[in-house]
Amino acid sequence: MPSLREALIELVRGAGQVVMGYFRRLKESEIGHKGKINLVTEADLKAEEFIAGYIRERFPDHSIVGEEGAKEQGSSDFLWLVDPLDGTTNFAHGFPIFAISVGLMRRDEVVLGAVYDPVHDELFIAERGAGALLNGRPIRVSPEEELERALLATGFPYDVHESEEDNLDFFAAFMHRAQAIRRAGSAAIDLCYVACGRFDGFWELKLYPWDVAAGWVIVEEAGGVVTDLSGGPLDLWHPNPLAANPTLHGKMAEVIAGVRRARTG
């Protein structure tokens, strides 16, 4: 799919330029709330507008679903899942960890994905069956086999203040087992860092399709395993992902299972 791949690179880099035009120059009036702690900014909206417009022009028969409301029902088998700014809270606070994440599905499979970090000019991309790249160079998941030496990543859901299913028990369990845990605030970047070996594993609850579509194919094409928290198939429409290299993935799933057993007594 060379034309789709080239288009994906163009649109995430273009959206990155849109986003960087606002970074550290946001006005208070350009920041809104979709929930108690869930922000949306003018940069999110303009970047999604750019991406959706690009797809409509190049691929008018494709469907689109975007985090900020872009929705097109096309006649082809292709569906674009768009997160125009993953890490909006970081972005709004001037913390330089955020990305544009776009995955492309054909029928029921994510076949192409790209995550672009415009601050560090890092472009992660993968095509199903063709491997994963970072700025044009092949990447692989880490070879780490011991959880005690693993650097893990996670995040917390936007309803953490209200819901009992808040990830804190999983976090505590992994704190006692792993070398360290990072919470960077961008699931797309977390997944890509697993893919290139900067993180050894990642888990999170209550994400959305656009959060994980691109990162999912990037991790798998880098040799990693992506499932739901129980180790079963990931449900893209209600994702609670667990991602790691093949050895650590099973060990992380065991920790998660132990926490769930403890919950039920």
C-alpha atoms as a PDB file:
ATOM      1  CA  MET A   1       0.000   0.000   0.000  1.00  0.00           C
ATOM      2  CA  PRO A   2       2.613   2.577  -0.985  1.00  0.00           C
ATOM      3  CA  SER A   3       0.138   5.377  -1.702  1.00  0.00           C
ATOM      4  CA  LEU A   4      -1.634   4.899   1.632  1.00  0.00           C
ATOM      5  CA  ARG A   5       1.672   4.711   3.495  1.00  0.00           C
ATOM      6  CA  GLU A   6       2.982   7.882   1.881  1.00  0.00           C
ATOM      7  CA  ALA A   7      -0.311   9.643   2.558  1.00  0.00           C
ATOM      8  CA  LEU A   8      -0.213   8.598   6.205  1.00  0.00           C
ATOM      9  CA  ILE A   9       3.258  10.045   6.623  1.00  0.00           C
ATOM     10  CA  GLU A  10       2.204  13.309   4.988  1.00  0.00           C
ATOM     11  CA  LEU A  11      -0.914  13.721   7.080  1.00  0.00           C
ATOM     12  CA  VAL A  12       0.682  12.995  10.505  1.00  0.00           C
ATOM     13  CA  ARG A  13       3.598  15.292   9.752  1.00  0.00           C
ATOM     14  CA  GLY A  14       1.212  17.969   8.514  1.00  0.00           C
ATOM     15  CA  ALA A  15      -0.890  17.638  11.652  1.00  0.00           C
ATOM     16  CA  GLY A  16       2.307  17.892  13.672  1.00  0.00           C
ATOM     17  CA  GLN A  17       2.998  21.281  12.121  1.00  0.00           C
ATOM     18  CA  VAL A  18      -0.517  22.398  13.026  1.00  0.00           C
ATOM     19  CA  VAL A  19      -0.089  21.291  16.633  1.00  0.00           C
ATOM     20  CA  MET A  20       3.348  22.880  17.049  1.00  0.00           C
ATOM     21  CA  GLY A  21       1.904  26.187  15.894  1.00  0.00           C
ATOM     22  CA  TYR A  22      -0.035  26.232  19.170  1.00  0.00           C
ATOM     23  CA  PHE A  23       2.478  24.623  21.544  1.00  0.00           C
ATOM     24  CA  ARG A  24       3.392  26.870  24.480  1.00  0.00           C
ATOM     25  CA  ARG A  25       1.330  29.643  22.846  1.00  0.00           C
ATOM     26  CA  LEU A  26      -2.128  28.481  23.882  1.00  0.00           C
ATOM     27  CA  LYS A  27      -4.510  31.059  25.276  1.00  0.00           C
ATOM     28  CA  GLU A  28      -6.835  30.179  28.137  1.00  0.00           C
ATOM     29  CA  SER A  29      -9.781  30.654  25.780  1.00  0.00           C
ATOM     30  CA  GLU A  30      -8.334  27.899  23.524  1.00  0.00           C
ATOM     31  CA  ILE A  31      -8.551  25.234  26.256  1.00  0.00           C
ATOM     32  CA  GLY A  32     -11.855  23.518  27.035  1.00  0.00           C
ATOM     33  CA  HIS A  33     -13.104  20.497  28.979  1.00  0.00           C
ATOM     34  CA  LYS A  34     -14.836  17.340  27.720  1.00  0.00           C
ATOM     35  CA  GLY A  35     -14.981  16.044  31.288  1.00  0.00           C
ATOM     36  CA  LYS A  36     -13.764  16.881  34.781  1.00  0.00           C
ATOM     37  CA  ILE A  37     -10.078  16.307  33.896  1.00  0.00           C
ATOM     38  CA  ASN A  38     -10.356  15.615  30.151  1.00  0.00           C
ATOM     39  CA  LEU A  39      -9.115  18.619  28.161  1.00  0.00           C
ATOM     40  CA  VAL A  40      -9.563  19.623  24.543  1.00  0.00           C
ATOM     41  CA  THR A  41      -7.710  22.483  22.885  1.00  0.00           C
ATOM     42  CA  GLU A  42      -7.906  24.467  19.682  1.00  0.00           C
ATOM     43  CA  ALA A  43      -4.855  22.485  18.546  1.00  0.00           C
ATOM     44  CA  ASP A  44      -6.770  19.178  18.837  1.00  0.00           C
ATOM     45  CA  LEU A  45      -9.627  20.555  16.774  1.00  0.00           C
ATOM     46  CA  LYS A  46      -7.502  22.155  14.058  1.00  0.00           C
ATOM     47  CA  ALA A  47      -5.239  19.107  13.725  1.00  0.00           C
ATOM     48  CA  GLU A  48      -8.232  16.792  13.337  1.00  0.00           C
ATOM     49  CA  GLU A  49      -9.762  19.189  10.819  1.00  0.00           C
ATOM     50  CA  PHE A  50      -6.524  19.039   8.816  1.00  0.00           C
ATOM     51  CA  ILE A  51      -6.340  15.221   8.941  1.00  0.00           C
ATOM     52  CA  ALA A  52     -10.000  14.680   8.065  1.00  0.00           C
ATOM     53  CA  GLY A  53      -9.790  17.170   5.204  1.00  0.00           C
ATOM     54  CA  TYR A  54      -6.696  15.461   3.824  1.00  0.00           C
ATOM     55  CA  ILE A  55      -8.366  12.025   3.910  1.00  0.00           C
ATOM     56  CA  ARG A  56     -11.577  13.316   2.313  1.00  0.00           C
ATOM     57  CA  GLU A  57      -9.605  14.862  -0.541  1.00  0.00           C
ATOM     58  CA  ARG A  58      -7.307  11.896  -1.200  1.00  0.00           C
ATOM     59  CA  PHE A  59      -9.603   8.996  -0.294  1.00  0.00           C
ATOM     60  CA  PRO A  60     -13.223  10.174  -0.531  1.00  0.00           C
ATOM     61  CA  ASP A  61     -14.652   6.650  -0.254  1.00  0.00           C
ATOM     62  CA  HIS A  62     -12.862   5.916   3.065  1.00  0.00           C
ATOM     63  CA  SER A  63     -14.530   6.126   6.492  1.00  0.00           C
ATOM     64  CA  ILE A  64     -13.161   8.288   9.313  1.00  0.00           C
ATOM     65  CA  VAL A  65     -13.623   8.264  13.073  1.00  0.00           C
ATOM     66  CA  GLY A  66     -11.794  10.970  15.027  1.00  0.00           C
ATOM     67  CA  GLU A  67     -11.534  11.644  18.741  1.00  0.00           C
ATOM     68  CA  GLU A  68     -12.856  15.191  18.378  1.00  0.00           C
ATOM     69  CA  GLY A  69     -15.944  14.255  16.387  1.00  0.00           C
ATOM     70  CA  ALA A  70     -14.832  13.813  12.777  1.00  0.00           C
ATOM     71  CA  LYS A  71     -17.002  11.070  11.303  1.00  0.00           C
ATOM     72  CA  GLU A  72     -17.411   9.971   7.718  1.00  0.00           C
ATOM     73  CA  GLN A  73     -19.116   6.838   6.448  1.00  0.00           C
ATOM     74  CA  GLY A  74     -17.455   5.742   3.219  1.00  0.00           C
ATOM     75  CA  SER A  75     -18.221   2.962   0.778  1.00  0.00           C
ATOM     76  CA  SER A  76     -14.843   1.191   0.886  1.00  0.00           C
ATOM     77  CA  ASP A  77     -13.389  -1.295   3.390  1.00  0.00           C
ATOM     78  CA  PHE A  78     -11.020   1.302   4.860  1.00  0.00           C
ATOM     79  CA  LEU A  79     -11.518   3.142   8.164  1.00  0.00           C
ATOM     80  CA  TRP A  80      -9.133   5.782   9.562  1.00  0.00           C
ATOM     81  CA  LEU A  81      -8.959   6.074  13.360  1.00  0.00           C
ATOM     82  CA  VAL A  82      -7.627   9.513  14.251  1.00  0.00           C
ATOM     83  CA  ASP A  83      -6.224  10.926  17.471  1.00  0.00           C
ATOM     84  CA  PRO A  84      -5.080  14.410  16.429  1.00  0.00           C
ATOM     85  CA  LEU A  85      -3.299  15.071  19.731  1.00  0.00           C
ATOM     86  CA  ASP A  86      -2.664  12.201  22.134  1.00  0.00           C
ATOM     87  CA  GLY A  87      -1.449  13.747  25.376  1.00  0.00           C
ATOM     88  CA  THR A  88      -3.595  16.876  25.376  1.00  0.00           C
ATOM     89  CA  THR A  89      -3.134  17.498  29.104  1.00  0.00           C
ATOM     90  CA  ASN A  90       0.635  17.426  28.653  1.00  0.00           C
ATOM     91  CA  PHE A  91       0.318  19.742  25.664  1.00  0.00           C
ATOM     92  CA  ALA A  92      -1.857  22.245  27.522  1.00  0.00           C
ATOM     93  CA  HIS A  93       0.657  22.400  30.368  1.00  0.00           C
ATOM     94  CA  GLY A  94       3.673  22.764  28.077  1.00  0.00           C
ATOM     95  CA  PHE A  95       4.966  19.281  28.907  1.00  0.00           C
ATOM     96  CA  PRO A  96       6.637  18.032  25.692  1.00  0.00           C
ATOM     97  CA  ILE A  97       5.223  14.494  25.512  1.00  0.00           C
ATOM     98  CA  PHE A  98       2.380  14.196  22.987  1.00  0.00           C
ATOM     99  CA  ALA A  99       1.801  12.811  19.509  1.00  0.00           C
ATOM    100  CA  ILE A 100      -0.452  12.534  16.504  1.00  0.00           C
ATOM    101  CA  SER A 101      -1.710   8.946  16.157  1.00  0.00           C
ATOM    102  CA  VAL A 102      -3.517   7.567  13.093  1.00  0.00           C
ATOM    103  CA  GLY A 103      -4.383   3.952  12.374  1.00  0.00           C
ATOM    104  CA  LEU A 104      -5.923   2.539   9.206  1.00  0.00           C
ATOM    105  CA  MET A 105      -8.217  -0.476   9.327  1.00  0.00           C
ATOM    106  CA  ARG A 106      -9.209  -2.662   6.409  1.00  0.00           C
ATOM    107  CA  ARG A 107     -12.335  -4.591   7.313  1.00  0.00           C
ATOM    108  CA  ASP A 108     -11.599  -5.794  10.878  1.00  0.00           C
ATOM    109  CA  GLU A 109      -7.802  -5.486  10.928  1.00  0.00           C
ATOM    110  CA  VAL A 110      -5.484  -2.556  11.569  1.00  0.00           C
ATOM    111  CA  VAL A 111      -3.139  -2.735   8.588  1.00  0.00           C
ATOM    112  CA  LEU A 112      -1.201   0.528   8.860  1.00  0.00           C
ATOM    113  CA  GLY A 113      -0.392   2.923  11.663  1.00  0.00           C
ATOM    114  CA  ALA A 114       1.738   5.970  12.380  1.00  0.00           C
ATOM    115  CA  VAL A 115       2.531   7.915  15.535  1.00  0.00           C
ATOM    116  CA  TYR A 116       4.366  11.205  15.143  1.00  0.00           C
ATOM    117  CA  ASP A 117       6.024  13.055  18.018  1.00  0.00           C
ATOM    118  CA  PRO A 118       6.561  16.559  16.593  1.00  0.00           C
ATOM    119  CA  VAL A 119       8.636  17.846  19.512  1.00  0.00           C
ATOM    120  CA  HIS A 120      11.362  15.244  18.982  1.00  0.00           C
ATOM    121  CA  ASP A 121      10.623  14.736  15.262  1.00  0.00           C
ATOM    122  CA  GLU A 122      10.139  10.993  15.755  1.00  0.00           C
ATOM    123  CA  LEU A 123       7.918   9.144  13.322  1.00  0.00           C
ATOM    124  CA  PHE A 124       6.934   5.575  14.185  1.00  0.00           C
ATOM    125  CA  ILE A 125       5.216   3.677  11.397  1.00  0.00           C
ATOM    126  CA  ALA A 126       4.280   0.089  10.668  1.00  0.00           C
ATOM    127  CA  GLU A 127       2.504  -1.770   7.910  1.00  0.00           C
ATOM    128  CA  ARG A 128       1.039  -5.198   8.614  1.00  0.00           C
ATOM    129  CA  GLY A 129       3.579  -7.802   7.511  1.00  0.00           C
ATOM    130  CA  ALA A 130       6.298  -5.275   6.673  1.00  0.00           C
ATOM    131  CA  GLY A 131       7.894  -4.466  10.046  1.00  0.00           C
ATOM    132  CA  ALA A 132       8.038  -1.317  12.157  1.00  0.00           C
ATOM    133  CA  LEU A 133      10.253   1.717  11.680  1.00  0.00           C
ATOM    134  CA  LEU A 134      11.376   4.767  13.637  1.00  0.00           C
ATOM    135  CA  ASN A 135      12.485   7.546  11.300  1.00  0.00           C
ATOM    136  CA  GLY A 136      13.095   4.944   8.602  1.00  0.00           C
ATOM    137  CA  ARG A 137      15.079   2.483  10.711  1.00  0.00           C
ATOM    138  CA  PRO A 138      13.774  -0.917  11.864  1.00  0.00           C
ATOM    139  CA  ILE A 139      12.835  -1.238  15.536  1.00  0.00           C
ATOM    140  CA  ARG A 140      12.334  -4.220  17.840  1.00  0.00           C
ATOM    141  CA  VAL A 141      10.892  -4.740  21.301  1.00  0.00           C
ATOM    142  CA  SER A 142      13.356  -5.214  24.147  1.00  0.00           C
ATOM    143  CA  PRO A 143      14.872  -8.631  24.930  1.00  0.00           C
ATOM    144  CA  GLU A 144      14.343  -8.217  28.700  1.00  0.00           C
ATOM    145  CA  GLU A 145      12.991 -11.400  30.295  1.00  0.00           C
ATOM    146  CA  GLU A 146      12.891 -10.499  33.992  1.00  0.00           C
ATOM    147  CA  LEU A 147      10.095  -8.349  35.379  1.00  0.00           C
ATOM    148  CA  GLU A 148      12.410  -7.152  38.157  1.00  0.00           C
ATOM    149  CA  ARG A 149      14.603  -5.477  35.533  1.00  0.00           C
ATOM    150  CA  ALA A 150      11.759  -4.119  33.432  1.00  0.00           C
ATOM    151  CA  LEU A 151      10.790  -0.494  32.914  1.00  0.00           C
ATOM    152  CA  LEU A 152       7.013  -0.399  32.517  1.00  0.00           C
ATOM    153  CA  ALA A 153       4.530   2.284  31.500  1.00  0.00           C
ATOM    154  CA  THR A 154       0.889   2.926  32.285  1.00  0.00           C
ATOM    155  CA  GLY A 155      -1.739   5.642  32.569  1.00  0.00           C
ATOM    156  CA  PHE A 156      -4.917   6.352  34.481  1.00  0.00           C
ATOM    157  CA  PRO A 157      -8.448   6.727  33.101  1.00  0.00           C
ATOM    158  CA  TYR A 158     -10.231  10.068  32.983  1.00  0.00           C
ATOM    159  CA  ASP A 159     -12.783   8.813  35.526  1.00  0.00           C
ATOM    160  CA  VAL A 160     -10.062   8.030  38.085  1.00  0.00           C
ATOM    161  CA  HIS A 161     -11.693  10.441  40.558  1.00  0.00           C
ATOM    162  CA  GLU A 162     -15.050   8.674  40.395  1.00  0.00           C
ATOM    163  CA  SER A 163     -14.582   5.026  39.425  1.00  0.00           C
ATOM    164  CA  GLU A 164     -13.363   2.168  41.621  1.00  0.00           C
ATOM    165  CA  GLU A 165     -11.752   0.623  38.534  1.00  0.00           C
ATOM    166  CA  ASP A 166      -8.924   3.145  38.605  1.00  0.00           C
ATOM    167  CA  ASN A 167      -5.753   1.092  37.870  1.00  0.00           C
ATOM    168  CA  LEU A 168      -4.254   1.865  41.284  1.00  0.00           C
ATOM    169  CA  ASP A 169      -4.225  -1.764  42.439  1.00  0.00           C
ATOM    170  CA  PHE A 170      -2.446  -2.884  39.267  1.00  0.00           C
ATOM    171  CA  PHE A 171      -0.013   0.015  39.656  1.00  0.00           C
ATOM    172  CA  ALA A 172       0.800  -0.982  43.246  1.00  0.00           C
ATOM    173  CA  ALA A 173       1.325  -4.623  42.287  1.00  0.00           C
ATOM    174  CA  PHE A 174       3.729  -3.763  39.472  1.00  0.00           C
ATOM    175  CA  MET A 175       5.578  -1.268  41.683  1.00  0.00           C
ATOM    176  CA  HIS A 176       6.512  -4.207  43.926  1.00  0.00           C
ATOM    177  CA  ARG A 177       7.590  -6.384  40.985  1.00  0.00           C
ATOM    178  CA  ALA A 178       9.116  -4.183  38.272  1.00  0.00           C
ATOM    179  CA  GLN A 179      12.286  -2.109  38.285  1.00  0.00           C
ATOM    180  CA  ALA A 180      10.268   1.083  37.729  1.00  0.00           C
ATOM    181  CA  ILE A 181       7.079   2.483  36.193  1.00  0.00           C
ATOM    182  CA  ARG A 182       6.614   5.622  34.129  1.00  0.00           C
ATOM    183  CA  ARG A 183       3.357   7.499  33.523  1.00  0.00           C
ATOM    184  CA  ALA A 184       4.080   9.817  30.595  1.00  0.00           C
ATOM    185  CA  GLY A 185       0.496  10.709  29.645  1.00  0.00           C
ATOM    186  CA  SER A 186       0.312   9.463  26.049  1.00  0.00           C
ATOM    187  CA  ALA A 187      -0.749   5.881  25.362  1.00  0.00           C
ATOM    188  CA  ALA A 188       0.338   6.177  21.727  1.00  0.00           C
ATOM    189  CA  ILE A 189       3.878   7.133  22.743  1.00  0.00           C
ATOM    190  CA  ASP A 190       3.927   4.459  25.460  1.00  0.00           C
ATOM    191  CA  LEU A 191       3.101   1.787  22.880  1.00  0.00           C
ATOM    192  CA  CYS A 192       5.744   3.073  20.485  1.00  0.00           C
ATOM    193  CA  TYR A 193       8.335   3.101  23.252  1.00  0.00           C
ATOM    194  CA  VAL A 194       7.518  -0.555  23.889  1.00  0.00           C
ATOM    195  CA  ALA A 195       7.979  -1.182  20.173  1.00  0.00           C
ATOM    196  CA  CYS A 196      11.462   0.355  20.113  1.00  0.00           C
ATOM    197  CA  GLY A 197      12.586  -1.088  23.452  1.00  0.00           C
ATOM    198  CA  ARG A 198      12.597   2.065  25.576  1.00  0.00           C
ATOM    199  CA  PHE A 199       9.831   0.521  27.680  1.00  0.00           C
ATOM    200  CA  ASP A 200       9.639  -3.205  28.320  1.00  0.00           C
ATOM    201  CA  GLY A 201       5.884  -3.334  28.849  1.00  0.00           C
ATOM    202  CA  PHE A 202       2.702  -1.260  29.021  1.00  0.00           C
ATOM    203  CA  TRP A 203      -0.820  -1.662  30.341  1.00  0.00           C
ATOM    204  CA  GLU A 204      -3.781   0.687  30.692  1.00  0.00           C
ATOM    205  CA  LEU A 205      -7.543   0.713  31.212  1.00  0.00           C
ATOM    206  CA  LYS A 206     -10.464   2.366  29.430  1.00  0.00           C
ATOM    207  CA  LEU A 207      -8.764   3.653  26.319  1.00  0.00           C
ATOM    208  CA  TYR A 208     -10.395   4.396  22.966  1.00  0.00           C
ATOM    209  CA  PRO A 209      -9.815   2.940  19.483  1.00  0.00           C
ATOM    210  CA  TRP A 210      -7.882   5.995  18.275  1.00  0.00           C
ATOM    211  CA  ASP A 211      -5.568   5.750  21.310  1.00  0.00           C
ATOM    212  CA  VAL A 212      -4.294   2.293  20.429  1.00  0.00           C
ATOM    213  CA  ALA A 213      -4.942   1.477  16.746  1.00  0.00           C
ATOM    214  CA  ALA A 214      -1.625   2.758  15.396  1.00  0.00           C
ATOM    215  CA  GLY A 215       0.449   1.687  18.386  1.00  0.00           C
ATOM    216  CA  TRP A 216      -1.041  -1.808  18.282  1.00  0.00           C
ATOM    217  CA  VAL A 217       0.245  -2.595  14.793  1.00  0.00           C
ATOM    218  CA  ILE A 218       3.574  -0.867  15.513  1.00  0.00           C
ATOM    219  CA  VAL A 219       4.219  -3.053  18.592  1.00  0.00           C
ATOM    220  CA  GLU A 220       3.223  -6.260  16.837  1.00  0.00           C
ATOM    221  CA  GLU A 221       5.342  -5.486  13.786  1.00  0.00           C
ATOM    222  CA  ALA A 222       8.272  -4.819  16.157  1.00  0.00           C
ATOM    223  CA  GLY A 223       7.929  -8.347  17.533  1.00  0.00           C
ATOM    224  CA  GLY A 224       5.766  -7.591  20.558  1.00  0.00           C
ATOM    225  CA  VAL A 225       2.494  -8.996  21.832  1.00  0.00           C
ATOM    226  CA  VAL A 226      -0.652  -6.903  22.332  1.00  0.00           C
ATOM    227  CA  THR A 227      -3.723  -8.354  24.075  1.00  0.00           C
ATOM    228  CA  ASP A 228      -6.337  -7.311  26.576  1.00  0.00           C
ATOM    229  CA  LEU A 229      -5.392  -7.414  30.255  1.00  0.00           C
ATOM    230  CA  SER A 230      -6.376 -11.066  30.618  1.00  0.00           C
ATOM    231  CA  GLY A 231      -4.188 -12.129  27.710  1.00  0.00           C
ATOM    232  CA  GLY A 232      -7.095 -12.588  25.322  1.00  0.00           C
ATOM    233  CA  PRO A 233      -7.707 -10.788  22.015  1.00  0.00           C
ATOM    234  CA  LEU A 234      -7.729  -7.009  22.287  1.00  0.00           C
ATOM    235  CA  ASP A 235     -11.130  -5.439  21.692  1.00  0.00           C
ATOM    236  CA  LEU A 236     -10.246  -2.348  19.682  1.00  0.00           C
ATOM    237  CA  TRP A 237     -13.600  -0.714  20.429  1.00  0.00           C
ATOM    238  CA  HIS A 238     -13.178  -1.098  24.227  1.00  0.00           C
ATOM    239  CA  PRO A 239      -9.418  -1.444  24.636  1.00  0.00           C
ATOM    240  CA  ASN A 240      -7.699  -2.312  27.904  1.00  0.00           C
ATOM    241  CA  PRO A 241      -4.318  -3.145  26.385  1.00  0.00           C
ATOM    242  CA  LEU A 242      -1.388  -5.151  27.672  1.00  0.00           C
ATOM    243  CA  ALA A 243       1.714  -4.857  25.476  1.00  0.00           C
ATOM    244  CA  ALA A 244       5.215  -6.253  25.927  1.00  0.00           C
ATOM    245  CA  ASN A 245       7.811  -8.520  24.432  1.00  0.00           C
ATOM    246  CA  PRO A 246       6.671 -12.171  24.271  1.00  0.00           C
ATOM    247  CA  THR A 247       8.407 -13.272  27.491  1.00  0.00           C
ATOM    248  CA  LEU A 248       7.430 -10.352  29.706  1.00  0.00           C
ATOM    249  CA  HIS A 249       3.884 -10.284  28.375  1.00  0.00           C
ATOM    250  CA  GLY A 250       3.033 -13.567  30.086  1.00  0.00           C
ATOM    251  CA  LYS A 251       4.637 -12.460  33.348  1.00  0.00           C
ATOM    252  CA  MET A 252       2.718  -9.188  33.334  1.00  0.00           C
ATOM    253  CA  ALA A 253      -0.525 -11.073  32.643  1.00  0.00           C
ATOM    254  CA  GLU A 254       0.180 -13.238  35.713  1.00  0.00           C
ATOM    255  CA  VAL A 255       0.521 -10.149  37.920  1.00  0.00           C
ATOM    256  CA  ILE A 256      -2.752  -8.740  36.586  1.00  0.00           C
ATOM    257  CA  ALA A 257      -4.509 -12.061  37.162  1.00  0.00           C
ATOM    258  CA  GLY A 258      -3.214 -12.132  40.735  1.00  0.00           C
ATOM    259  CA  VAL A 259      -4.642  -8.675  41.421  1.00  0.00           C
ATOM    260  CA  ARG A 260      -8.018  -9.749  40.065  1.00  0.00           C
ATOM    261  CA  ARG A 261      -8.021 -12.872  42.231  1.00  0.00           C
ATOM    262  CA  ALA A 262      -7.245 -10.753  45.281  1.00  0.00           C
ATOM    263  CA  ARG A 263     -10.190  -8.489  44.489  1.00  0.00           C
ATOM    264  CA  THR A 264     -12.604 -11.410  44.681  1.00  0.00           C
ATOM    265  CA  GLY A 265     -11.077 -12.740  47.882  1.00  0.00           C
END
